[in-house]
């Protein structure tokens, strides 16, 4: 039972980390799209430099 609790806690902490990183990534994408001219916003950020 202790072992199962540890696994569940591990999974939940991984999910929290993933969500945090996806929020950061989403924010970075939003900022980078705001910094670009309107006609290039559909292209990937890496190729628009």
N, C-alpha and C. Protein backbone atom coordinates (compact mmCIF):
# COMPACT_ATOMS: atom_id res chain seq x y z
N UNK A 1 0.83 -1.21 0.00
CA UNK A 1 0.00 0.00 0.00
C UNK A 1 0.87 1.27 0.00
N UNK A 2 1.87 1.24 0.84
CA UNK A 2 2.83 2.36 0.86
C UNK A 2 3.45 2.58 -0.52
N UNK A 3 3.77 1.45 -1.18
CA UNK A 3 4.38 1.52 -2.50
C UNK A 3 3.45 2.17 -3.51
N UNK A 4 2.17 1.79 -3.46
CA UNK A 4 1.19 2.38 -4.37
C UNK A 4 1.05 3.89 -4.15
N UNK A 5 1.05 4.30 -2.89
CA UNK A 5 0.95 5.73 -2.59
C UNK A 5 2.13 6.48 -3.17
N UNK A 6 3.31 5.88 -3.09
CA UNK A 6 4.50 6.54 -3.62
C UNK A 6 4.39 6.69 -5.14
N UNK A 7 3.91 5.65 -5.80
CA UNK A 7 3.75 5.71 -7.26
C UNK A 7 2.74 6.79 -7.64
N UNK A 8 1.63 6.85 -6.92
CA UNK A 8 0.59 7.84 -7.23
C UNK A 8 1.12 9.25 -7.01
N UNK A 9 1.85 9.44 -5.92
CA UNK A 9 2.44 10.76 -5.66
C UNK A 9 3.42 11.14 -6.76
N UNK A 10 4.20 10.18 -7.21
CA UNK A 10 5.16 10.41 -8.29
C UNK A 10 4.44 10.86 -9.55
N UNK A 11 3.37 10.16 -9.90
CA UNK A 11 2.62 10.50 -11.11
C UNK A 11 2.05 11.91 -11.00
N UNK A 12 1.49 12.24 -9.83
CA UNK A 12 0.88 13.56 -9.68
C UNK A 12 1.92 14.67 -9.76
N UNK A 13 3.09 14.44 -9.17
CA UNK A 13 4.12 15.48 -9.25
C UNK A 13 4.62 15.63 -10.68
N UNK A 14 4.69 14.53 -11.42
CA UNK A 14 5.07 14.62 -12.83
C UNK A 14 4.05 15.40 -13.63
N UNK A 15 2.77 15.17 -13.35
CA UNK A 15 1.71 15.89 -14.06
C UNK A 15 1.80 17.38 -13.76
N UNK A 16 2.06 17.73 -12.50
CA UNK A 16 2.17 19.15 -12.15
C UNK A 16 3.34 19.79 -12.87
N UNK A 17 4.47 19.10 -12.94
CA UNK A 17 5.63 19.63 -13.65
C UNK A 17 5.30 19.84 -15.12
N UNK A 18 4.66 18.85 -15.73
CA UNK A 18 4.32 18.95 -17.15
C UNK A 18 3.39 20.12 -17.41
N UNK A 19 2.40 20.30 -16.54
CA UNK A 19 1.46 21.41 -16.72
C UNK A 19 2.18 22.75 -16.58
N UNK A 20 3.10 22.82 -15.61
CA UNK A 20 3.82 24.07 -15.41
C UNK A 20 4.64 24.40 -16.64
N UNK A 21 5.34 23.40 -17.19
CA UNK A 21 6.15 23.65 -18.37
C UNK A 21 5.30 23.98 -19.59
N UNK A 22 4.13 23.38 -19.69
CA UNK A 22 3.28 23.69 -20.85
C UNK A 22 2.72 25.11 -20.74
N UNK A 23 2.44 25.55 -19.50
CA UNK A 23 2.02 26.95 -19.34
C UNK A 23 3.13 27.91 -19.77
N UNK A 24 4.36 27.61 -19.34
CA UNK A 24 5.50 28.46 -19.71
C UNK A 24 5.70 28.48 -21.22
N UNK A 25 5.58 27.28 -21.83
CA UNK A 25 5.75 27.18 -23.27
C UNK A 25 4.67 27.96 -24.01
N UNK A 26 3.42 27.85 -23.52
CA UNK A 26 2.31 28.57 -24.13
C UNK A 26 2.53 30.08 -24.03
N UNK A 27 3.01 30.52 -22.87
CA UNK A 27 3.28 31.94 -22.65
C UNK A 27 4.39 32.42 -23.59
N UNK A 28 5.43 31.61 -23.75
CA UNK A 28 6.53 31.99 -24.63
C UNK A 28 6.06 32.07 -26.08
N UNK A 29 5.19 31.14 -26.48
CA UNK A 29 4.67 31.18 -27.84
C UNK A 29 3.83 32.43 -28.07
N UNK A 30 3.03 32.78 -27.06
CA UNK A 30 2.20 33.97 -27.17
C UNK A 30 3.06 35.22 -27.32
N UNK A 31 4.08 35.33 -26.48
CA UNK A 31 4.97 36.49 -26.52
C UNK A 31 5.68 36.57 -27.87
N UNK A 32 6.18 35.42 -28.35
CA UNK A 32 6.92 35.45 -29.61
C UNK A 32 6.00 35.79 -30.77
N UNK A 33 4.74 35.37 -30.69
CA UNK A 33 3.82 35.72 -31.78
C UNK A 33 3.45 37.19 -31.72
N UNK A 34 3.42 37.77 -30.51
CA UNK A 34 3.13 39.19 -30.40
C UNK A 34 4.28 40.03 -30.93
N UNK A 35 5.49 39.50 -30.86
CA UNK A 35 6.67 40.25 -31.29
C UNK A 35 6.88 40.21 -32.79
N UNK A 36 6.09 39.42 -33.51
CA UNK A 36 6.29 39.28 -34.95
C UNK A 36 5.28 40.13 -35.72
N UNK A 37 5.61 40.48 -36.95
CA UNK A 37 4.64 41.13 -37.83
C UNK A 37 3.45 40.20 -38.07
N UNK A 38 2.31 40.78 -38.40
CA UNK A 38 1.09 39.99 -38.51
C UNK A 38 1.16 38.95 -39.61
N UNK A 39 1.92 39.22 -40.66
CA UNK A 39 1.91 38.29 -41.80
C UNK A 39 2.81 37.08 -41.58
N UNK A 40 3.57 37.05 -40.48
CA UNK A 40 4.44 35.90 -40.24
C UNK A 40 4.03 35.12 -39.00
N UNK A 41 2.89 35.47 -38.40
CA UNK A 41 2.55 34.85 -37.11
C UNK A 41 2.20 33.37 -37.26
N UNK A 42 1.87 32.92 -38.47
CA UNK A 42 1.50 31.52 -38.64
C UNK A 42 2.74 30.62 -38.81
N UNK A 43 3.90 31.24 -39.05
CA UNK A 43 5.11 30.44 -39.23
C UNK A 43 5.72 30.12 -37.87
N UNK A 44 6.47 29.02 -37.78
CA UNK A 44 7.16 28.69 -36.52
C UNK A 44 8.13 29.80 -36.12
N UNK A 45 8.29 29.98 -34.83
CA UNK A 45 9.12 31.06 -34.31
C UNK A 45 10.57 30.93 -34.76
N UNK A 46 11.06 29.69 -34.86
CA UNK A 46 12.47 29.48 -35.19
C UNK A 46 12.81 29.94 -36.61
N UNK A 47 11.83 29.84 -37.50
CA UNK A 47 12.12 30.14 -38.89
C UNK A 47 11.81 31.58 -39.27
N UNK A 48 11.35 32.37 -38.32
CA UNK A 48 10.92 33.72 -38.66
C UNK A 48 11.98 34.76 -38.34
N UNK A 49 13.18 34.33 -38.04
CA UNK A 49 14.24 35.28 -37.71
C UNK A 49 14.99 35.65 -38.98
